[in-house]
Amino acid sequence: MKKLNLLLLCGILLVLVAGCVADGDKMTATDVLKQNKDADIIQYDGFIFSNVTSLKWFEDSKENDLFSKKYFLGNIKKQTTNSWLFSDLSASKLPEGTKVYAADDKGRGMLFVEYEGEELYYLQLLEG
């Protein structure tokens, strides 16, 4: 059952990224949540980041120094699945007050979150 969920999530992410590249537009919360209302996403600096913590390809590489939290960016300000209410530091699953970190001071590529004693990883979705 876990493998099926993982495969489904990978497929959804692939469709989302492919659709965005085909459009030539920046990925938005509306794009993601329209495709998957249960998506676990964060918006930061106008970009959408998707939770990749449990994806097999990521688990194999997360020990890399590029995937280490070094800079505190802020706290989640709002939890919502309403894409029209999404703004920076909004999240679809994480509660208000959750701390968000990045490997660099710009918050590009990867965000890190400490939630319920676990470190979660959010990958920036590509734009076209």
N, C-alpha and C. Protein backbone atom coordinates (compact mmCIF):
# COMPACT_ATOMS: atom_id res chain seq x y z
N MET A 1 0.82 -1.20 0.00
CA MET A 1 0.00 0.00 0.00
C MET A 1 0.87 1.26 0.00
N LYS A 2 1.98 1.23 0.78
CA LYS A 2 2.89 2.37 0.82
C LYS A 2 3.50 2.64 -0.54
N LYS A 3 3.88 1.56 -1.24
CA LYS A 3 4.48 1.72 -2.57
C LYS A 3 3.48 2.33 -3.54
N LEU A 4 2.23 1.91 -3.45
CA LEU A 4 1.20 2.44 -4.33
C LEU A 4 1.02 3.94 -4.10
N ASN A 5 0.98 4.36 -2.84
CA ASN A 5 0.85 5.78 -2.51
C ASN A 5 2.05 6.56 -3.01
N LEU A 6 3.24 5.99 -2.85
CA LEU A 6 4.45 6.65 -3.30
C LEU A 6 4.46 6.79 -4.82
N LEU A 7 4.08 5.74 -5.52
CA LEU A 7 4.02 5.80 -6.98
C LEU A 7 2.99 6.82 -7.44
N LEU A 8 1.85 6.87 -6.76
CA LEU A 8 0.82 7.83 -7.10
C LEU A 8 1.33 9.26 -6.91
N LEU A 9 2.01 9.51 -5.79
CA LEU A 9 2.55 10.84 -5.53
C LEU A 9 3.59 11.23 -6.58
N CYS A 10 4.48 10.29 -6.92
CA CYS A 10 5.49 10.56 -7.96
C CYS A 10 4.83 10.90 -9.29
N GLY A 11 3.80 10.14 -9.63
CA GLY A 11 3.09 10.39 -10.88
C GLY A 11 2.44 11.76 -10.89
N ILE A 12 1.84 12.13 -9.78
CA ILE A 12 1.18 13.44 -9.69
C ILE A 12 2.20 14.55 -9.81
N LEU A 13 3.34 14.42 -9.11
CA LEU A 13 4.38 15.44 -9.21
C LEU A 13 4.91 15.57 -10.63
N LEU A 14 5.08 14.44 -11.30
CA LEU A 14 5.57 14.47 -12.67
C LEU A 14 4.58 15.19 -13.59
N VAL A 15 3.31 14.90 -13.45
CA VAL A 15 2.28 15.56 -14.26
C VAL A 15 2.27 17.05 -13.98
N LEU A 16 2.37 17.43 -12.71
CA LEU A 16 2.36 18.84 -12.36
C LEU A 16 3.54 19.58 -12.96
N VAL A 17 4.71 19.03 -12.82
CA VAL A 17 5.91 19.68 -13.35
C VAL A 17 5.86 19.72 -14.88
N ALA A 18 5.45 18.64 -15.50
CA ALA A 18 5.36 18.61 -16.96
C ALA A 18 4.34 19.63 -17.46
N GLY A 19 3.22 19.73 -16.79
CA GLY A 19 2.20 20.70 -17.18
C GLY A 19 2.68 22.12 -17.06
N CYS A 20 3.43 22.38 -16.03
CA CYS A 20 3.97 23.72 -15.81
C CYS A 20 4.97 24.08 -16.90
N VAL A 21 5.86 23.16 -17.24
CA VAL A 21 6.86 23.41 -18.27
C VAL A 21 6.18 23.63 -19.61
N ALA A 22 5.16 22.85 -19.90
CA ALA A 22 4.45 22.99 -21.17
C ALA A 22 3.78 24.35 -21.27
N ASP A 23 3.24 24.84 -20.16
CA ASP A 23 2.57 26.14 -20.15
C ASP A 23 3.55 27.30 -20.23
N GLY A 24 4.77 27.08 -19.72
CA GLY A 24 5.72 28.17 -19.66
C GLY A 24 5.43 29.12 -18.51
N ASP A 25 4.54 28.74 -17.61
CA ASP A 25 4.16 29.58 -16.48
C ASP A 25 4.80 29.09 -15.20
N LYS A 26 4.85 29.97 -14.22
CA LYS A 26 5.35 29.63 -12.89
C LYS A 26 4.30 28.76 -12.20
N MET A 27 4.75 27.72 -11.51
CA MET A 27 3.85 26.83 -10.78
C MET A 27 3.22 27.61 -9.63
N THR A 28 1.91 27.47 -9.46
CA THR A 28 1.21 28.15 -8.38
C THR A 28 0.49 27.14 -7.49
N ALA A 29 0.05 27.59 -6.32
CA ALA A 29 -0.73 26.74 -5.43
C ALA A 29 -2.00 26.27 -6.14
N THR A 30 -2.59 27.12 -6.93
CA THR A 30 -3.79 26.75 -7.68
C THR A 30 -3.50 25.58 -8.61
N ASP A 31 -2.38 25.63 -9.33
CA ASP A 31 -2.00 24.55 -10.24
C ASP A 31 -1.88 23.23 -9.49
N VAL A 32 -1.17 23.26 -8.38
CA VAL A 32 -0.90 22.04 -7.62
C VAL A 32 -2.18 21.49 -6.98
N LEU A 33 -2.91 22.35 -6.29
CA LEU A 33 -4.09 21.89 -5.56
C LEU A 33 -5.24 21.50 -6.50
N LYS A 34 -5.24 22.04 -7.71
CA LYS A 34 -6.24 21.63 -8.69
C LYS A 34 -6.00 20.18 -9.11
N GLN A 35 -4.72 19.80 -9.22
CA GLN A 35 -4.35 18.44 -9.61
C GLN A 35 -4.46 17.45 -8.45
N ASN A 36 -4.15 17.93 -7.23
CA ASN A 36 -4.15 17.05 -6.06
C ASN A 36 -4.55 17.86 -4.83
N LYS A 37 -5.80 17.77 -4.42
CA LYS A 37 -6.29 18.57 -3.30
C LYS A 37 -5.63 18.19 -1.97
N ASP A 38 -4.95 17.04 -1.93
CA ASP A 38 -4.27 16.60 -0.71
C ASP A 38 -2.75 16.86 -0.75
N ALA A 39 -2.30 17.64 -1.70
CA ALA A 39 -0.87 17.93 -1.83
C ALA A 39 -0.35 18.61 -0.57
N ASP A 40 0.87 18.27 -0.18
CA ASP A 40 1.55 18.86 0.98
C ASP A 40 2.55 19.88 0.43
N ILE A 41 2.15 21.15 0.41
CA ILE A 41 2.97 22.20 -0.21
C ILE A 41 3.16 23.38 0.73
N ILE A 42 4.19 24.15 0.42
CA ILE A 42 4.50 25.41 1.10
C ILE A 42 4.79 26.44 0.01
N GLN A 43 4.41 27.68 0.25
CA GLN A 43 4.81 28.76 -0.65
C GLN A 43 5.83 29.62 0.08
N TYR A 44 6.94 29.92 -0.62
CA TYR A 44 7.94 30.82 -0.07
C TYR A 44 8.52 31.66 -1.21
N ASP A 45 8.58 32.95 -1.01
CA ASP A 45 9.13 33.89 -1.99
C ASP A 45 8.48 33.71 -3.36
N GLY A 46 7.18 33.41 -3.36
CA GLY A 46 6.43 33.28 -4.60
C GLY A 46 6.55 31.93 -5.28
N PHE A 47 7.33 31.02 -4.72
CA PHE A 47 7.53 29.70 -5.30
C PHE A 47 6.82 28.64 -4.47
N ILE A 48 6.42 27.56 -5.13
CA ILE A 48 5.76 26.45 -4.47
C ILE A 48 6.77 25.32 -4.25
N PHE A 49 6.75 24.77 -3.05
CA PHE A 49 7.62 23.66 -2.66
C PHE A 49 6.73 22.49 -2.25
N SER A 50 7.09 21.29 -2.69
CA SER A 50 6.30 20.09 -2.42
C SER A 50 7.09 19.12 -1.54
N ASN A 51 6.40 18.48 -0.60
CA ASN A 51 7.05 17.54 0.32
C ASN A 51 7.56 16.31 -0.45
N VAL A 52 8.87 16.07 -0.33
CA VAL A 52 9.50 14.91 -0.99
C VAL A 52 10.18 13.99 0.03
N THR A 53 9.88 14.17 1.29
CA THR A 53 10.55 13.46 2.37
C THR A 53 10.57 11.95 2.17
N SER A 54 9.45 11.37 1.78
CA SER A 54 9.36 9.91 1.72
C SER A 54 9.58 9.33 0.32
N LEU A 55 9.95 10.15 -0.64
CA LEU A 55 10.20 9.62 -1.98
C LEU A 55 11.53 8.87 -2.01
N LYS A 56 11.55 7.69 -2.58
CA LYS A 56 12.72 6.80 -2.56
C LYS A 56 13.97 7.48 -3.12
N TRP A 57 13.87 8.13 -4.28
CA TRP A 57 15.03 8.76 -4.87
C TRP A 57 15.60 9.84 -3.96
N PHE A 58 14.74 10.49 -3.18
CA PHE A 58 15.22 11.52 -2.29
C PHE A 58 15.83 10.93 -1.02
N GLU A 59 15.22 9.89 -0.48
CA GLU A 59 15.75 9.24 0.72
C GLU A 59 17.19 8.81 0.53
N ASP A 60 17.53 8.38 -0.68
CA ASP A 60 18.88 7.92 -0.97
C ASP A 60 19.91 9.05 -1.03
N SER A 61 19.46 10.29 -1.20
CA SER A 61 20.41 11.39 -1.37
C SER A 61 20.32 12.47 -0.30
N LYS A 62 19.45 12.33 0.69
CA LYS A 62 19.26 13.43 1.63
C LYS A 62 20.39 13.62 2.64
N GLU A 63 21.37 12.74 2.64
CA GLU A 63 22.54 12.92 3.51
C GLU A 63 23.51 13.94 2.91
N ASN A 64 23.30 14.32 1.67
CA ASN A 64 24.12 15.30 0.98
C ASN A 64 24.10 16.63 1.73
N ASP A 65 25.23 17.33 1.79
CA ASP A 65 25.34 18.61 2.49
C ASP A 65 24.42 19.68 1.89
N LEU A 66 24.05 19.53 0.62
CA LEU A 66 23.13 20.48 0.01
C LEU A 66 21.76 20.44 0.68
N PHE A 67 21.47 19.34 1.34
CA PHE A 67 20.17 19.15 1.98
C PHE A 67 20.28 19.32 3.48
N SER A 68 20.91 20.40 3.91
CA SER A 68 21.02 20.66 5.34
C SER A 68 20.50 22.06 5.65
N LYS A 69 19.76 22.16 6.72
CA LYS A 69 19.18 23.45 7.09
C LYS A 69 20.23 24.32 7.75
N LYS A 70 20.36 25.51 7.25
CA LYS A 70 21.35 26.44 7.78
C LYS A 70 20.74 27.79 8.11
N TYR A 71 19.70 28.19 7.40
CA TYR A 71 19.10 29.51 7.57
C TYR A 71 17.63 29.41 7.96
N PHE A 72 17.26 30.09 9.02
CA PHE A 72 15.86 30.16 9.43
C PHE A 72 15.16 31.20 8.55
N LEU A 73 14.10 30.80 7.88
CA LEU A 73 13.38 31.70 6.98
C LEU A 73 12.15 32.33 7.63
N GLY A 74 11.53 31.60 8.56
CA GLY A 74 10.33 32.11 9.20
C GLY A 74 9.44 30.97 9.65
N ASN A 75 8.26 31.34 10.15
CA ASN A 75 7.27 30.36 10.59
C ASN A 75 6.10 30.34 9.62
N ILE A 76 5.46 29.18 9.51
CA ILE A 76 4.25 29.09 8.71
C ILE A 76 3.24 30.07 9.29
N LYS A 77 2.68 30.93 8.44
CA LYS A 77 1.73 31.95 8.88
C LYS A 77 0.28 31.49 8.77
N LYS A 78 0.04 30.57 7.82
CA LYS A 78 -1.34 30.17 7.56
C LYS A 78 -1.37 28.76 7.01
N GLN A 79 -2.33 27.97 7.50
CA GLN A 79 -2.59 26.65 6.92
C GLN A 79 -3.90 26.76 6.16
N THR A 80 -3.85 26.42 4.87
CA THR A 80 -5.05 26.51 4.04
C THR A 80 -4.93 25.59 2.83
N THR A 81 -6.06 25.12 2.36
CA THR A 81 -6.10 24.40 1.08
C THR A 81 -6.84 25.23 0.04
N ASN A 82 -7.20 26.43 0.41
CA ASN A 82 -7.83 27.36 -0.52
C ASN A 82 -6.71 28.08 -1.28
N SER A 83 -6.56 27.72 -2.55
CA SER A 83 -5.44 28.26 -3.33
C SER A 83 -5.49 29.78 -3.47
N TRP A 84 -6.66 30.37 -3.37
CA TRP A 84 -6.78 31.82 -3.49
C TRP A 84 -6.22 32.53 -2.26
N LEU A 85 -6.13 31.82 -1.13
CA LEU A 85 -5.62 32.41 0.11
C LEU A 85 -4.13 32.14 0.31
N PHE A 86 -3.51 31.42 -0.62
CA PHE A 86 -2.10 31.08 -0.49
C PHE A 86 -1.23 32.32 -0.69
N SER A 87 -0.27 32.49 0.21
CA SER A 87 0.73 33.55 0.09
C SER A 87 2.01 33.00 0.70
N ASP A 88 3.06 33.81 0.73
CA ASP A 88 4.33 33.33 1.27
C ASP A 88 4.16 32.85 2.71
N LEU A 89 4.80 31.70 3.00
CA LEU A 89 4.74 31.00 4.26
C LEU A 89 3.34 30.48 4.59
N SER A 90 2.58 30.18 3.54
CA SER A 90 1.33 29.43 3.69
C SER A 90 1.65 27.97 3.40
N ALA A 91 0.90 27.08 4.04
CA ALA A 91 1.10 25.65 3.83
C ALA A 91 -0.24 24.94 3.78
N SER A 92 -0.29 23.86 3.03
CA SER A 92 -1.54 23.11 2.92
C SER A 92 -1.72 22.11 4.05
N LYS A 93 -0.64 21.64 4.66
CA LYS A 93 -0.73 20.61 5.71
C LYS A 93 -0.12 21.05 7.04
N LEU A 94 0.93 21.84 6.99
CA LEU A 94 1.64 22.23 8.21
C LEU A 94 0.87 23.30 8.99
N PRO A 95 0.87 23.19 10.32
CA PRO A 95 0.15 24.19 11.12
C PRO A 95 0.91 25.50 11.25
N GLU A 96 0.17 26.55 11.60
CA GLU A 96 0.78 27.85 11.86
C GLU A 96 1.87 27.70 12.91
N GLY A 97 2.94 28.45 12.76
CA GLY A 97 4.02 28.43 13.73
C GLY A 97 5.13 27.44 13.44
N THR A 98 4.92 26.53 12.48
CA THR A 98 5.97 25.57 12.12
C THR A 98 7.17 26.32 11.55
N LYS A 99 8.37 25.97 12.01
CA LYS A 99 9.59 26.66 11.58
C LYS A 99 10.05 26.14 10.22
N VAL A 100 10.46 27.08 9.36
CA VAL A 100 10.91 26.76 8.01
C VAL A 100 12.35 27.24 7.85
N TYR A 101 13.20 26.35 7.31
CA TYR A 101 14.62 26.62 7.12
C TYR A 101 15.01 26.38 5.66
N ALA A 102 16.22 26.83 5.30
CA ALA A 102 16.76 26.60 3.96
C ALA A 102 18.27 26.37 4.06
N ALA A 103 18.84 25.84 2.98
CA ALA A 103 20.28 25.63 2.92
C ALA A 103 21.02 26.93 2.61
N ASP A 104 20.32 27.88 2.01
CA ASP A 104 20.93 29.19 1.74
C ASP A 104 19.97 30.29 2.19
N ASP A 105 20.44 31.51 2.21
CA ASP A 105 19.62 32.60 2.72
C ASP A 105 18.52 33.04 1.76
N LYS A 106 18.51 32.50 0.56
CA LYS A 106 17.49 32.84 -0.43
C LYS A 106 16.30 31.88 -0.42
N GLY A 107 16.49 30.71 0.17
CA GLY A 107 15.40 29.72 0.21
C GLY A 107 15.10 29.14 -1.16
N ARG A 108 16.12 28.90 -1.94
CA ARG A 108 15.93 28.34 -3.28
C ARG A 108 16.20 26.84 -3.28
N GLY A 109 15.44 26.10 -4.05
CA GLY A 109 15.68 24.68 -4.26
C GLY A 109 15.03 23.77 -3.25
N MET A 110 15.33 23.98 -1.96
CA MET A 110 14.87 23.06 -0.93
C MET A 110 14.56 23.81 0.36
N LEU A 111 13.42 23.47 0.97
CA LEU A 111 13.08 23.98 2.30
C LEU A 111 13.08 22.81 3.28
N PHE A 112 13.34 23.11 4.54
CA PHE A 112 13.39 22.10 5.59
C PHE A 112 12.45 22.53 6.71
N VAL A 113 11.76 21.57 7.27
CA VAL A 113 10.79 21.85 8.31
C VAL A 113 10.99 20.85 9.44
N GLU A 114 10.90 21.34 10.66
CA GLU A 114 10.88 20.45 11.82
C GLU A 114 9.43 20.35 12.26
N TYR A 115 8.89 19.13 12.21
CA TYR A 115 7.48 18.94 12.56
C TYR A 115 7.32 17.63 13.32
N GLU A 116 6.79 17.73 14.52
CA GLU A 116 6.56 16.58 15.39
C GLU A 116 7.81 15.70 15.52
N GLY A 117 8.96 16.35 15.74
CA GLY A 117 10.22 15.64 15.96
C GLY A 117 10.85 15.04 14.72
N GLU A 118 10.33 15.35 13.57
CA GLU A 118 10.84 14.81 12.32
C GLU A 118 11.24 15.96 11.40
N GLU A 119 12.29 15.73 10.59
CA GLU A 119 12.68 16.74 9.60
C GLU A 119 12.01 16.39 8.28
N LEU A 120 11.30 17.35 7.71
CA LEU A 120 10.62 17.18 6.43
C LEU A 120 11.33 18.02 5.38
N TYR A 121 11.32 17.53 4.14
CA TYR A 121 12.02 18.18 3.03
C TYR A 121 11.01 18.56 1.95
N TYR A 122 11.09 19.80 1.49
CA TYR A 122 10.19 20.32 0.47
C TYR A 122 11.02 20.82 -0.71
N LEU A 123 10.77 20.26 -1.87
CA LEU A 123 11.50 20.59 -3.09
C LEU A 123 10.76 21.65 -3.88
N GLN A 124 11.48 22.65 -4.36
CA GLN A 124 10.88 23.70 -5.17
C GLN A 124 10.41 23.13 -6.49
N LEU A 125 9.16 23.39 -6.83
CA LEU A 125 8.63 22.93 -8.11
C LEU A 125 9.15 23.85 -9.22
N LEU A 126 9.52 23.24 -10.32
CA LEU A 126 10.12 23.99 -11.42
C LEU A 126 9.11 24.87 -12.12
N GLU A 127 9.62 25.91 -12.72
CA GLU A 127 8.79 26.74 -13.55
C GLU A 127 9.22 26.57 -14.99
N GLY A 128 8.33 26.89 -15.90
CA GLY A 128 8.64 26.70 -17.32
C GLY A 128 9.46 27.78 -17.89
